[in-house]
Amino acid sequence: MTADAVEKLLADVRGTLARAGFEVASARDEGSPGLRVRRETDSVMVVWVPGSELDPAGREDAEFEGIRAALRSALLAVLTQAGHAVQVDRVSGDVRVRLLA
């Protein structure tokens, strides 16, 4: 996949998520919580960084797997409906998006 194709995919994924009602954090907000879309060599990754407001007790060991699983399911559905090839990264649990060939 060319660099231009990855850029177009990145813009399309961001636009698709915005139209579906997701708020995507800016690339400049790398350290802050939220949904992020970043380019990879041949794909785009959608990553969620949970915010402290989801853990009112402020525990350092907070588990967000239930929220993460629900979000992942929603992302897979929205991006598949938009015509993208999606899969969950086995290690990180993030959503990888590719163009359908």
PDB file of N, CA and C in Angstrom:
ATOM      1  N   MET A   1       0.851  -1.168   0.000  1.00  0.00           N
ATOM      2  CA  MET A   1       0.000   0.000   0.000  1.00  0.00           C
ATOM      3  C   MET A   1       0.899   1.234   0.000  1.00  0.00           C
ATOM      4  N   THR A   2       0.602   2.177  -0.862  1.00  0.00           N
ATOM      5  CA  THR A   2       1.421   3.385  -0.957  1.00  0.00           C
ATOM      6  C   THR A   2       1.139   4.323   0.215  1.00  0.00           C
ATOM      7  N   ALA A   3       2.044   5.258   0.414  1.00  0.00           N
ATOM      8  CA  ALA A   3       1.875   6.244   1.488  1.00  0.00           C
ATOM      9  C   ALA A   3       0.620   7.076   1.255  1.00  0.00           C
ATOM     10  N   ASP A   4       0.328   7.413  -0.012  1.00  0.00           N
ATOM     11  CA  ASP A   4      -0.883   8.174  -0.322  1.00  0.00           C
ATOM     12  C   ASP A   4      -2.137   7.370   0.010  1.00  0.00           C
ATOM     13  N   ALA A   5      -2.112   6.074  -0.273  1.00  0.00           N
ATOM     14  CA  ALA A   5      -3.263   5.220   0.023  1.00  0.00           C
ATOM     15  C   ALA A   5      -3.496   5.132   1.529  1.00  0.00           C
ATOM     16  N   VAL A   6      -2.420   5.058   2.298  1.00  0.00           N
ATOM     17  CA  VAL A   6      -2.550   5.004   3.753  1.00  0.00           C
ATOM     18  C   VAL A   6      -3.109   6.334   4.271  1.00  0.00           C
ATOM     19  N   GLU A   7      -2.664   7.453   3.714  1.00  0.00           N
ATOM     20  CA  GLU A   7      -3.189   8.765   4.122  1.00  0.00           C
ATOM     21  C   GLU A   7      -4.679   8.872   3.826  1.00  0.00           C
ATOM     22  N   LYS A   8      -5.091   8.412   2.651  1.00  0.00           N
ATOM     23  CA  LYS A   8      -6.516   8.436   2.292  1.00  0.00           C
ATOM     24  C   LYS A   8      -7.322   7.532   3.215  1.00  0.00           C
ATOM     25  N   LEU A   9      -6.779   6.365   3.534  1.00  0.00           N
ATOM     26  CA  LEU A   9      -7.442   5.456   4.453  1.00  0.00           C
ATOM     27  C   LEU A   9      -7.565   6.100   5.831  1.00  0.00           C
ATOM     28  N   LEU A  10      -6.519   6.744   6.296  1.00  0.00           N
ATOM     29  CA  LEU A  10      -6.528   7.428   7.583  1.00  0.00           C
ATOM     30  C   LEU A  10      -7.641   8.480   7.624  1.00  0.00           C
ATOM     31  N   ALA A  11      -7.726   9.301   6.588  1.00  0.00           N
ATOM     32  CA  ALA A  11      -8.761  10.340   6.527  1.00  0.00           C
ATOM     33  C   ALA A  11     -10.152   9.718   6.466  1.00  0.00           C
ATOM     34  N   ASP A  12     -10.293   8.634   5.702  1.00  0.00           N
ATOM     35  CA  ASP A  12     -11.590   7.977   5.579  1.00  0.00           C
ATOM     36  C   ASP A  12     -12.033   7.364   6.902  1.00  0.00           C
ATOM     37  N   VAL A  13     -11.117   6.716   7.599  1.00  0.00           N
ATOM     38  CA  VAL A  13     -11.451   6.102   8.888  1.00  0.00           C
ATOM     39  C   VAL A  13     -11.838   7.173   9.895  1.00  0.00           C
ATOM     40  N   ARG A  14     -11.078   8.253   9.961  1.00  0.00           N
ATOM     41  CA  ARG A  14     -11.428   9.350  10.866  1.00  0.00           C
ATOM     42  C   ARG A  14     -12.804   9.921  10.536  1.00  0.00           C
ATOM     43  N   GLY A  15     -13.068  10.141   9.248  1.00  0.00           N
ATOM     44  CA  GLY A  15     -14.355  10.677   8.834  1.00  0.00           C
ATOM     45  C   GLY A  15     -15.496   9.721   9.131  1.00  0.00           C
ATOM     46  N   THR A  16     -15.278   8.436   8.883  1.00  0.00           N
ATOM     47  CA  THR A  16     -16.300   7.424   9.156  1.00  0.00           C
ATOM     48  C   THR A  16     -16.638   7.398  10.633  1.00  0.00           C
ATOM     49  N   LEU A  17     -15.622   7.407  11.482  1.00  0.00           N
ATOM     50  CA  LEU A  17     -15.856   7.378  12.923  1.00  0.00           C
ATOM     51  C   LEU A  17     -16.572   8.646  13.405  1.00  0.00           C
ATOM     52  N   ALA A  18     -16.193   9.791  12.849  1.00  0.00           N
ATOM     53  CA  ALA A  18     -16.852  11.049  13.225  1.00  0.00           C
ATOM     54  C   ALA A  18     -18.325  11.028  12.819  1.00  0.00           C
ATOM     55  N   ARG A  19     -18.619  10.549  11.613  1.00  0.00           N
ATOM     56  CA  ARG A  19     -20.015  10.475  11.158  1.00  0.00           C
ATOM     57  C   ARG A  19     -20.824   9.497  11.996  1.00  0.00           C
ATOM     58  N   ALA A  20     -20.175   8.495  12.553  1.00  0.00           N
ATOM     59  CA  ALA A  20     -20.853   7.509  13.397  1.00  0.00           C
ATOM     60  C   ALA A  20     -21.019   8.003  14.833  1.00  0.00           C
ATOM     61  N   GLY A  21     -20.497   9.189  15.128  1.00  0.00           N
ATOM     62  CA  GLY A  21     -20.670   9.762  16.457  1.00  0.00           C
ATOM     63  C   GLY A  21     -19.505   9.604  17.408  1.00  0.00           C
ATOM     64  N   PHE A  22     -18.407   9.019  16.926  1.00  0.00           N
ATOM     65  CA  PHE A  22     -17.221   8.882  17.768  1.00  0.00           C
ATOM     66  C   PHE A  22     -16.430  10.182  17.736  1.00  0.00           C
ATOM     67  N   GLU A  23     -15.863  10.542  18.865  1.00  0.00           N
ATOM     68  CA  GLU A  23     -14.978  11.693  18.920  1.00  0.00           C
ATOM     69  C   GLU A  23     -13.551  11.175  18.873  1.00  0.00           C
ATOM     70  N   VAL A  24     -12.839  11.553  17.830  1.00  0.00           N
ATOM     71  CA  VAL A  24     -11.465  11.084  17.643  1.00  0.00           C
ATOM     72  C   VAL A  24     -10.513  12.180  18.105  1.00  0.00           C
ATOM     73  N   ALA A  25      -9.610  11.812  18.998  1.00  0.00           N
ATOM     74  CA  ALA A  25      -8.636  12.766  19.522  1.00  0.00           C
ATOM     75  C   ALA A  25      -7.633  13.143  18.440  1.00  0.00           C
ATOM     76  N   SER A  26      -7.142  14.321  18.530  1.00  0.00           N
ATOM     77  CA  SER A  26      -6.127  14.813  17.607  1.00  0.00           C
ATOM     78  C   SER A  26      -4.813  14.069  17.817  1.00  0.00           C
ATOM     79  N   ALA A  27      -4.025  13.967  16.775  1.00  0.00           N
ATOM     80  CA  ALA A  27      -2.710  13.328  16.885  1.00  0.00           C
ATOM     81  C   ALA A  27      -1.816  14.084  17.865  1.00  0.00           C
ATOM     82  N   ARG A  28      -2.074  15.369  18.044  1.00  0.00           N
ATOM     83  CA  ARG A  28      -1.278  16.183  18.980  1.00  0.00           C
ATOM     84  C   ARG A  28      -1.547  15.805  20.431  1.00  0.00           C
ATOM     85  N   ASP A  29      -2.693  15.172  20.687  1.00  0.00           N
ATOM     86  CA  ASP A  29      -3.083  14.821  22.049  1.00  0.00           C
ATOM     87  C   ASP A  29      -2.619  13.421  22.430  1.00  0.00           C
ATOM     88  N   GLU A  30      -1.451  13.032  22.000  1.00  0.00           N
ATOM     89  CA  GLU A  30      -0.963  11.662  22.160  1.00  0.00           C
ATOM     90  C   GLU A  30      -1.031  11.146  23.589  1.00  0.00           C
ATOM     91  N   GLY A  31      -0.754  11.968  24.576  1.00  0.00           N
ATOM     92  CA  GLY A  31      -0.732  11.493  25.947  1.00  0.00           C
ATOM     93  C   GLY A  31      -2.088  11.510  26.642  1.00  0.00           C
ATOM     94  N   SER A  32      -3.057  12.180  26.069  1.00  0.00           N
ATOM     95  CA  SER A  32      -4.358  12.298  26.732  1.00  0.00           C
ATOM     96  C   SER A  32      -5.287  11.154  26.330  1.00  0.00           C
ATOM     97  N   PRO A  33      -6.333  10.920  27.124  1.00  0.00           N
ATOM     98  CA  PRO A  33      -7.247   9.814  26.833  1.00  0.00           C
ATOM     99  C   PRO A  33      -8.102  10.084  25.597  1.00  0.00           C
ATOM    100  N   GLY A  34      -8.650   9.016  25.039  1.00  0.00           N
ATOM    101  CA  GLY A  34      -9.565   9.140  23.912  1.00  0.00           C
ATOM    102  C   GLY A  34      -9.298   8.120  22.827  1.00  0.00           C
ATOM    103  N   LEU A  35     -10.074   8.242  21.779  1.00  0.00           N
ATOM    104  CA  LEU A  35      -9.958   7.364  20.612  1.00  0.00           C
ATOM    105  C   LEU A  35      -8.976   7.991  19.632  1.00  0.00           C
ATOM    106  N   ARG A  36      -8.024   7.215  19.177  1.00  0.00           N
ATOM    107  CA  ARG A  36      -7.000   7.707  18.244  1.00  0.00           C
ATOM    108  C   ARG A  36      -6.948   6.847  16.998  1.00  0.00           C
ATOM    109  N   VAL A  37      -6.621   7.472  15.893  1.00  0.00           N
ATOM    110  CA  VAL A  37      -6.411   6.754  14.636  1.00  0.00           C
ATOM    111  C   VAL A  37      -5.003   7.104  14.185  1.00  0.00           C
ATOM    112  N   ARG A  38      -4.175   6.077  14.003  1.00  0.00           N
ATOM    113  CA  ARG A  38      -2.789   6.342  13.582  1.00  0.00           C
ATOM    114  C   ARG A  38      -2.435   5.466  12.384  1.00  0.00           C
ATOM    115  N   ARG A  39      -1.539   5.980  11.584  1.00  0.00           N
ATOM    116  CA  ARG A  39      -1.125   5.237  10.382  1.00  0.00           C
ATOM    117  C   ARG A  39      -0.036   4.239  10.727  1.00  0.00           C
ATOM    118  N   GLU A  40      -0.083   3.130  10.037  1.00  0.00           N
ATOM    119  CA  GLU A  40       0.951   2.112  10.086  1.00  0.00           C
ATOM    120  C   GLU A  40       1.503   2.009   8.662  1.00  0.00           C
ATOM    121  N   THR A  41       2.404   1.105   8.404  1.00  0.00           N
ATOM    122  CA  THR A  41       2.996   0.969   7.079  1.00  0.00           C
ATOM    123  C   THR A  41       1.958   0.615   6.020  1.00  0.00           C
ATOM    124  N   ASP A  42       1.095  -0.349   6.325  1.00  0.00           N
ATOM    125  CA  ASP A  42       0.138  -0.815   5.322  1.00  0.00           C
ATOM    126  C   ASP A  42      -1.299  -0.831   5.831  1.00  0.00           C
ATOM    127  N   SER A  43      -1.548  -0.101   6.908  1.00  0.00           N
ATOM    128  CA  SER A  43      -2.883  -0.101   7.511  1.00  0.00           C
ATOM    129  C   SER A  43      -3.033   1.111   8.416  1.00  0.00           C
ATOM    130  N   VAL A  44      -4.177   1.154   9.092  1.00  0.00           N
ATOM    131  CA  VAL A  44      -4.457   2.186  10.075  1.00  0.00           C
ATOM    132  C   VAL A  44      -4.883   1.483  11.355  1.00  0.00           C
ATOM    133  N   MET A  45      -4.431   1.972  12.501  1.00  0.00           N
ATOM    134  CA  MET A  45      -4.807   1.392  13.787  1.00  0.00           C
ATOM    135  C   MET A  45      -5.733   2.356  14.517  1.00  0.00           C
ATOM    136  N   VAL A  46      -6.781   1.798  15.116  1.00  0.00           N
ATOM    137  CA  VAL A  46      -7.678   2.576  15.956  1.00  0.00           C
ATOM    138  C   VAL A  46      -7.417   2.112  17.391  1.00  0.00           C
ATOM    139  N   VAL A  47      -7.031   3.054  18.231  1.00  0.00           N
ATOM    140  CA  VAL A  47      -6.588   2.772  19.593  1.00  0.00           C
ATOM    141  C   VAL A  47      -7.432   3.596  20.565  1.00  0.00           C
ATOM    142  N   TRP A  48      -7.784   2.991  21.689  1.00  0.00           N
ATOM    143  CA  TRP A  48      -8.515   3.726  22.726  1.00  0.00           C
ATOM    144  C   TRP A  48      -7.657   3.795  23.980  1.00  0.00           C
ATOM    145  N   VAL A  49      -7.505   5.030  24.498  1.00  0.00           N
ATOM    146  CA  VAL A  49      -6.784   5.269  25.748  1.00  0.00           C
ATOM    147  C   VAL A  49      -7.818   5.741  26.763  1.00  0.00           C
ATOM    148  N   PRO A  50      -8.119   4.926  27.800  1.00  0.00           N
ATOM    149  CA  PRO A  50      -9.145   5.312  28.768  1.00  0.00           C
ATOM    150  C   PRO A  50      -8.710   6.492  29.633  1.00  0.00           C
ATOM    151  N   GLY A  51      -9.686   7.291  30.015  1.00  0.00           N
ATOM    152  CA  GLY A  51      -9.426   8.432  30.876  1.00  0.00           C
ATOM    153  C   GLY A  51      -9.690   8.107  32.334  1.00  0.00           C
ATOM    154  N   SER A  52      -9.118   8.881  33.214  1.00  0.00           N
ATOM    155  CA  SER A  52      -9.268   8.641  34.649  1.00  0.00           C
ATOM    156  C   SER A  52     -10.708   8.827  35.115  1.00  0.00           C
ATOM    157  N   GLU A  53     -11.508   9.605  34.370  1.00  0.00           N
ATOM    158  CA  GLU A  53     -12.894   9.819  34.787  1.00  0.00           C
ATOM    159  C   GLU A  53     -13.720   8.532  34.729  1.00  0.00           C
ATOM    160  N   LEU A  54     -13.229   7.509  34.045  1.00  0.00           N
ATOM    161  CA  LEU A  54     -13.930   6.228  34.005  1.00  0.00           C
ATOM    162  C   LEU A  54     -13.659   5.395  35.250  1.00  0.00           C
ATOM    163  N   ASP A  55     -12.716   5.824  36.043  1.00  0.00           N
ATOM    164  CA  ASP A  55     -12.392   5.114  37.274  1.00  0.00           C
ATOM    165  C   ASP A  55     -12.474   6.092  38.440  1.00  0.00           C
ATOM    166  N   PRO A  56     -13.680   6.289  38.988  1.00  0.00           N
ATOM    167  CA  PRO A  56     -13.845   7.299  40.034  1.00  0.00           C
ATOM    168  C   PRO A  56     -12.969   7.079  41.257  1.00  0.00           C
ATOM    169  N   ALA A  57     -12.600   5.851  41.524  1.00  0.00           N
ATOM    170  CA  ALA A  57     -11.749   5.596  42.689  1.00  0.00           C
ATOM    171  C   ALA A  57     -10.305   5.968  42.410  1.00  0.00           C
ATOM    172  N   GLY A  58      -9.966   6.190  41.147  1.00  0.00           N
ATOM    173  CA  GLY A  58      -8.610   6.581  40.788  1.00  0.00           C
ATOM    174  C   GLY A  58      -7.587   5.483  40.962  1.00  0.00           C
ATOM    175  N   ARG A  59      -8.024   4.224  40.902  1.00  0.00           N
ATOM    176  CA  ARG A  59      -7.095   3.106  41.083  1.00  0.00           C
ATOM    177  C   ARG A  59      -6.092   3.057  39.928  1.00  0.00           C
ATOM    178  N   GLU A  60      -4.879   2.758  40.238  1.00  0.00           N
ATOM    179  CA  GLU A  60      -3.837   2.599  39.219  1.00  0.00           C
ATOM    180  C   GLU A  60      -4.041   1.318  38.413  1.00  0.00           C
ATOM    181  N   ASP A  61      -4.645   0.305  39.014  1.00  0.00           N
ATOM    182  CA  ASP A  61      -4.781  -1.001  38.369  1.00  0.00           C
ATOM    183  C   ASP A  61      -6.157  -1.193  37.721  1.00  0.00           C
ATOM    184  N   ALA A  62      -6.843  -0.121  37.411  1.00  0.00           N
ATOM    185  CA  ALA A  62      -8.200  -0.208  36.864  1.00  0.00           C
ATOM    186  C   ALA A  62      -8.210  -1.034  35.583  1.00  0.00           C
ATOM    187  N   GLU A  63      -9.198  -1.893  35.480  1.00  0.00           N
ATOM    188  CA  GLU A  63      -9.370  -2.714  34.283  1.00  0.00           C
ATOM    189  C   GLU A  63     -10.528  -2.154  33.467  1.00  0.00           C
ATOM    190  N   PHE A  64     -10.323  -1.970  32.206  1.00  0.00           N
ATOM    191  CA  PHE A  64     -11.325  -1.400  31.336  1.00  0.00           C
ATOM    192  C   PHE A  64     -11.753  -2.397  30.268  1.00  0.00           C
ATOM    193  N   GLU A  65     -11.562  -3.698  30.508  1.00  0.00           N
ATOM    194  CA  GLU A  65     -11.797  -4.675  29.448  1.00  0.00           C
ATOM    195  C   GLU A  65     -13.254  -4.710  28.991  1.00  0.00           C
ATOM    196  N   GLY A  66     -14.212  -4.522  29.896  1.00  0.00           N
ATOM    197  CA  GLY A  66     -15.616  -4.512  29.489  1.00  0.00           C
ATOM    198  C   GLY A  66     -15.923  -3.362  28.543  1.00  0.00           C
ATOM    199  N   ILE A  67     -15.458  -2.170  28.897  1.00  0.00           N
ATOM    200  CA  ILE A  67     -15.658  -1.001  28.042  1.00  0.00           C
ATOM    201  C   ILE A  67     -14.881  -1.183  26.743  1.00  0.00           C
ATOM    202  N   ARG A  68     -13.664  -1.672  26.844  1.00  0.00           N
ATOM    203  CA  ARG A  68     -12.825  -1.875  25.657  1.00  0.00           C
ATOM    204  C   ARG A  68     -13.479  -2.873  24.697  1.00  0.00           C
ATOM    205  N   ALA A  69     -14.061  -3.950  25.219  1.00  0.00           N
ATOM    206  CA  ALA A  69     -14.709  -4.955  24.372  1.00  0.00           C
ATOM    207  C   ALA A  69     -15.936  -4.373  23.672  1.00  0.00           C
ATOM    208  N   ALA A  70     -16.728  -3.583  24.384  1.00  0.00           N
ATOM    209  CA  ALA A  70     -17.909  -2.960  23.780  1.00  0.00           C
ATOM    210  C   ALA A  70     -17.500  -1.969  22.691  1.00  0.00           C
ATOM    211  N   LEU A  71     -16.494  -1.165  22.969  1.00  0.00           N
ATOM    212  CA  LEU A  71     -16.005  -0.204  21.984  1.00  0.00           C
ATOM    213  C   LEU A  71     -15.442  -0.918  20.766  1.00  0.00           C
ATOM    214  N   ARG A  72     -14.675  -1.969  21.001  1.00  0.00           N
ATOM    215  CA  ARG A  72     -14.093  -2.743  19.904  1.00  0.00           C
ATOM    216  C   ARG A  72     -15.192  -3.311  19.001  1.00  0.00           C
ATOM    217  N   SER A  73     -16.250  -3.836  19.593  1.00  0.00           N
ATOM    218  CA  SER A  73     -17.372  -4.376  18.811  1.00  0.00           C
ATOM    219  C   SER A  73     -18.027  -3.288  17.966  1.00  0.00           C
ATOM    220  N   ALA A  74     -18.217  -2.126  18.558  1.00  0.00           N
ATOM    221  CA  ALA A  74     -18.808  -1.008  17.818  1.00  0.00           C
ATOM    222  C   ALA A  74     -17.906  -0.559  16.676  1.00  0.00           C
ATOM    223  N   LEU A  75     -16.609  -0.468  16.936  1.00  0.00           N
ATOM    224  CA  LEU A  75     -15.662  -0.071  15.888  1.00  0.00           C
ATOM    225  C   LEU A  75     -15.654  -1.080  14.746  1.00  0.00           C
ATOM    226  N   LEU A  76     -15.629  -2.368  15.085  1.00  0.00           N
ATOM    227  CA  LEU A  76     -15.633  -3.405  14.048  1.00  0.00           C
ATOM    228  C   LEU A  76     -16.888  -3.302  13.187  1.00  0.00           C
ATOM    229  N   ALA A  77     -18.039  -3.097  13.814  1.00  0.00           N
ATOM    230  CA  ALA A  77     -19.295  -3.009  13.070  1.00  0.00           C
ATOM    231  C   ALA A  77     -19.318  -1.785  12.155  1.00  0.00           C
ATOM    232  N   VAL A  78     -18.977  -0.623  12.683  1.00  0.00           N
ATOM    233  CA  VAL A  78     -19.023   0.621  11.907  1.00  0.00           C
ATOM    234  C   VAL A  78     -18.051   0.568  10.736  1.00  0.00           C
ATOM    235  N   LEU A  79     -16.825   0.145  10.992  1.00  0.00           N
ATOM    236  CA  LEU A  79     -15.811   0.149   9.939  1.00  0.00           C
ATOM    237  C   LEU A  79     -16.065  -0.929   8.890  1.00  0.00           C
ATOM    238  N   THR A  80     -16.611  -2.069   9.297  1.00  0.00           N
ATOM    239  CA  THR A  80     -16.970  -3.115   8.335  1.00  0.00           C
ATOM    240  C   THR A  80     -18.106  -2.627   7.445  1.00  0.00           C
ATOM    241  N   GLN A  81     -19.116  -1.998   8.039  1.00  0.00           N
ATOM    242  CA  GLN A  81     -20.244  -1.462   7.272  1.00  0.00           C
ATOM    243  C   GLN A  81     -19.780  -0.405   6.272  1.00  0.00           C
ATOM    244  N   ALA A  82     -18.702   0.298   6.603  1.00  0.00           N
ATOM    245  CA  ALA A  82     -18.162   1.333   5.712  1.00  0.00           C
ATOM    246  C   ALA A  82     -17.300   0.740   4.604  1.00  0.00           C
ATOM    247  N   GLY A  83     -17.120  -0.590   4.609  1.00  0.00           N
ATOM    248  CA  GLY A  83     -16.393  -1.241   3.528  1.00  0.00           C
ATOM    249  C   GLY A  83     -14.927  -1.497   3.775  1.00  0.00           C
ATOM    250  N   HIS A  84     -14.523  -1.472   5.021  1.00  0.00           N
ATOM    251  CA  HIS A  84     -13.119  -1.719   5.337  1.00  0.00           C
ATOM    252  C   HIS A  84     -12.915  -3.151   5.832  1.00  0.00           C
ATOM    253  N   ALA A  85     -11.722  -3.649   5.614  1.00  0.00           N
ATOM    254  CA  ALA A  85     -11.312  -4.934   6.188  1.00  0.00           C
ATOM    255  C   ALA A  85     -10.747  -4.614   7.571  1.00  0.00           C
ATOM    256  N   VAL A  86     -11.333  -5.194   8.601  1.00  0.00           N
ATOM    257  CA  VAL A  86     -10.899  -4.908   9.969  1.00  0.00           C
ATOM    258  C   VAL A  86     -10.554  -6.194  10.699  1.00  0.00           C
ATOM    259  N   GLN A  87      -9.639  -6.085  11.636  1.00  0.00           N
ATOM    260  CA  GLN A  87      -9.295  -7.212  12.494  1.00  0.00           C
ATOM    261  C   GLN A  87      -8.759  -6.662  13.804  1.00  0.00           C
ATOM    262  N   VAL A  88      -8.852  -7.473  14.830  1.00  0.00           N
ATOM    263  CA  VAL A  88      -8.346  -7.078  16.138  1.00  0.00           C
ATOM    264  C   VAL A  88      -6.918  -7.581  16.270  1.00  0.00           C
ATOM    265  N   ASP A  89      -6.012  -6.689  16.636  1.00  0.00           N
ATOM    266  CA  ASP A  89      -4.627  -7.063  16.867  1.00  0.00           C
ATOM    267  C   ASP A  89      -4.581  -7.974  18.088  1.00  0.00           C
ATOM    268  N   ARG A  90      -3.991  -9.139  17.956  1.00  0.00           N
ATOM    269  CA  ARG A  90      -3.978 -10.139  19.033  1.00  0.00           C
ATOM    270  C   ARG A  90      -3.256  -9.672  20.290  1.00  0.00           C
ATOM    271  N   VAL A  91      -2.220  -8.914  20.112  1.00  0.00           N
ATOM    272  CA  VAL A  91      -1.413  -8.495  21.256  1.00  0.00           C
ATOM    273  C   VAL A  91      -2.034  -7.300  21.978  1.00  0.00           C
ATOM    274  N   SER A  92      -2.340  -6.252  21.232  1.00  0.00           N
ATOM    275  CA  SER A  92      -2.813  -5.008  21.849  1.00  0.00           C
ATOM    276  C   SER A  92      -4.323  -4.936  22.025  1.00  0.00           C
ATOM    277  N   GLY A  93      -5.068  -5.665  21.198  1.00  0.00           N
ATOM    278  CA  GLY A  93      -6.521  -5.569  21.226  1.00  0.00           C
ATOM    279  C   GLY A  93      -7.050  -4.379  20.441  1.00  0.00           C
ATOM    280  N   ASP A  94      -6.154  -3.628  19.804  1.00  0.00           N
ATOM    281  CA  ASP A  94      -6.558  -2.487  18.989  1.00  0.00           C
ATOM    282  C   ASP A  94      -7.122  -2.977  17.660  1.00  0.00           C
ATOM    283  N   VAL A  95      -7.823  -2.096  16.955  1.00  0.00           N
ATOM    284  CA  VAL A  95      -8.468  -2.460  15.701  1.00  0.00           C
ATOM    285  C   VAL A  95      -7.602  -2.003  14.530  1.00  0.00           C
ATOM    286  N   ARG A  96      -7.224  -2.963  13.672  1.00  0.00           N
ATOM    287  CA  ARG A  96      -6.438  -2.686  12.472  1.00  0.00           C
ATOM    288  C   ARG A  96      -7.395  -2.581  11.289  1.00  0.00           C
ATOM    289  N   VAL A  97      -7.223  -1.553  10.465  1.00  0.00           N
ATOM    290  CA  VAL A  97      -8.108  -1.301   9.329  1.00  0.00           C
ATOM    291  C   VAL A  97      -7.276  -1.311   8.048  1.00  0.00           C
ATOM    292  N   ARG A  98      -7.789  -2.046   7.060  1.00  0.00           N
ATOM    293  CA  ARG A  98      -7.162  -2.083   5.737  1.00  0.00           C
ATOM    294  C   ARG A  98      -8.230  -1.839   4.690  1.00  0.00           C
ATOM    295  N   LEU A  99      -7.808  -1.437   3.512  1.00  0.00           N
ATOM    296  CA  LEU A  99      -8.739  -1.322   2.392  1.00  0.00           C
ATOM    297  C   LEU A  99      -9.075  -2.715   1.900  1.00  0.00           C
ATOM    298  N   LEU A 100     -10.318  -2.897   1.516  1.00  0.00           N
ATOM    299  CA  LEU A 100     -10.674  -4.170   0.875  1.00  0.00           C
ATOM    300  C   LEU A 100     -10.034  -4.189  -0.499  1.00  0.00           C
ATOM    301  N   ALA A 101      -9.436  -5.304  -0.864  1.00  0.00           N
ATOM    302  CA  ALA A 101      -8.760  -5.401  -2.160  1.00  0.00           C
ATOM    303  C   ALA A 101      -9.752  -5.624  -3.273  1.00  0.00           C
TER     304      ALA A 101
END
